[in-house]
Amino acid sequence: MDWFKMIKGFYPKFWTKDMVADAVVCEKITKDEYAQITGEPYQV
């Protein structure tokens, strides 16, 4: 499964920034991918 593509398609209508951050914690996407999706750097 391409998590990055799926999450990018769902954000921001269905996913929040917190949900995208959870995907980083679960190692589904990287911190750089988080920044690409949300437009903001990943904050711990």
C-alpha atoms as a PDB file:
ATOM      1  CA  MET A   1       0.000   0.000   0.000  1.00  0.00           C
ATOM      2  CA  ASP A   2       1.260   3.479  -0.862  1.00  0.00           C
ATOM      3  CA  TRP A   3       0.572   5.225   2.449  1.00  0.00           C
ATOM      4  CA  PHE A   4       1.929   8.568   1.265  1.00  0.00           C
ATOM      5  CA  LYS A   5      -0.416   8.679  -1.721  1.00  0.00           C
ATOM      6  CA  MET A   6      -3.430   7.583   0.342  1.00  0.00           C
ATOM      7  CA  ILE A   7      -2.843  10.060   3.183  1.00  0.00           C
ATOM      8  CA  LYS A   8      -2.096  12.908   0.761  1.00  0.00           C
ATOM      9  CA  GLY A   9      -5.447  12.208  -0.909  1.00  0.00           C
ATOM     10  CA  PHE A  10      -7.309  12.243   2.409  1.00  0.00           C
ATOM     11  CA  TYR A  11      -5.673  15.351   3.884  1.00  0.00           C
ATOM     12  CA  PRO A  12      -7.166  17.810   4.879  1.00  0.00           C
ATOM     13  CA  LYS A  13     -10.739  16.770   4.141  1.00  0.00           C
ATOM     14  CA  PHE A  14     -10.698  13.466   6.008  1.00  0.00           C
ATOM     15  CA  TRP A  15      -7.405  13.509   7.930  1.00  0.00           C
ATOM     16  CA  THR A  16      -6.157  16.073  10.443  1.00  0.00           C
ATOM     17  CA  LYS A  17      -2.523  17.082  11.010  1.00  0.00           C
ATOM     18  CA  ASP A  18      -2.551  14.970  14.174  1.00  0.00           C
ATOM     19  CA  MET A  19      -3.628  11.936  12.170  1.00  0.00           C
ATOM     20  CA  VAL A  20      -0.848  12.542   9.644  1.00  0.00           C
ATOM     21  CA  ALA A  21       1.626  12.870  12.539  1.00  0.00           C
ATOM     22  CA  ASP A  22       0.389   9.529  13.897  1.00  0.00           C
ATOM     23  CA  ALA A  23       1.313   7.970  10.545  1.00  0.00           C
ATOM     24  CA  VAL A  24       4.891   9.190  11.100  1.00  0.00           C
ATOM     25  CA  VAL A  25       4.941   7.637  14.587  1.00  0.00           C
ATOM     26  CA  CYS A  26       3.641   4.350  13.133  1.00  0.00           C
ATOM     27  CA  GLU A  27       6.356   4.541  10.457  1.00  0.00           C
ATOM     28  CA  LYS A  28       3.881   4.599   7.569  1.00  0.00           C
ATOM     29  CA  ILE A  29       5.357   7.870   6.218  1.00  0.00           C
ATOM     30  CA  THR A  30       8.540   9.831   6.892  1.00  0.00           C
ATOM     31  CA  LYS A  31       8.944  13.241   8.498  1.00  0.00           C
ATOM     32  CA  ASP A  32       9.751  14.664   5.061  1.00  0.00           C
ATOM     33  CA  GLU A  33       6.550  13.173   3.642  1.00  0.00           C
ATOM     34  CA  TYR A  34       4.617  14.741   6.530  1.00  0.00           C
ATOM     35  CA  ALA A  35       5.987  18.124   5.470  1.00  0.00           C
ATOM     36  CA  GLN A  36       5.034  17.476   1.848  1.00  0.00           C
ATOM     37  CA  ILE A  37       1.469  16.576   2.837  1.00  0.00           C
ATOM     38  CA  THR A  38       0.792  19.309   5.399  1.00  0.00           C
ATOM     39  CA  GLY A  39       3.090  22.061   4.148  1.00  0.00           C
ATOM     40  CA  GLU A  40       4.618  22.351   7.628  1.00  0.00           C
ATOM     41  CA  PRO A  41       7.688  20.703   9.198  1.00  0.00           C
ATOM     42  CA  TYR A  42       7.085  17.709  11.461  1.00  0.00           C
ATOM     43  CA  GLN A  43       7.084  18.732  15.131  1.00  0.00           C
ATOM     44  CA  VAL A  44       7.689  16.093  17.802  1.00  0.00           C
END
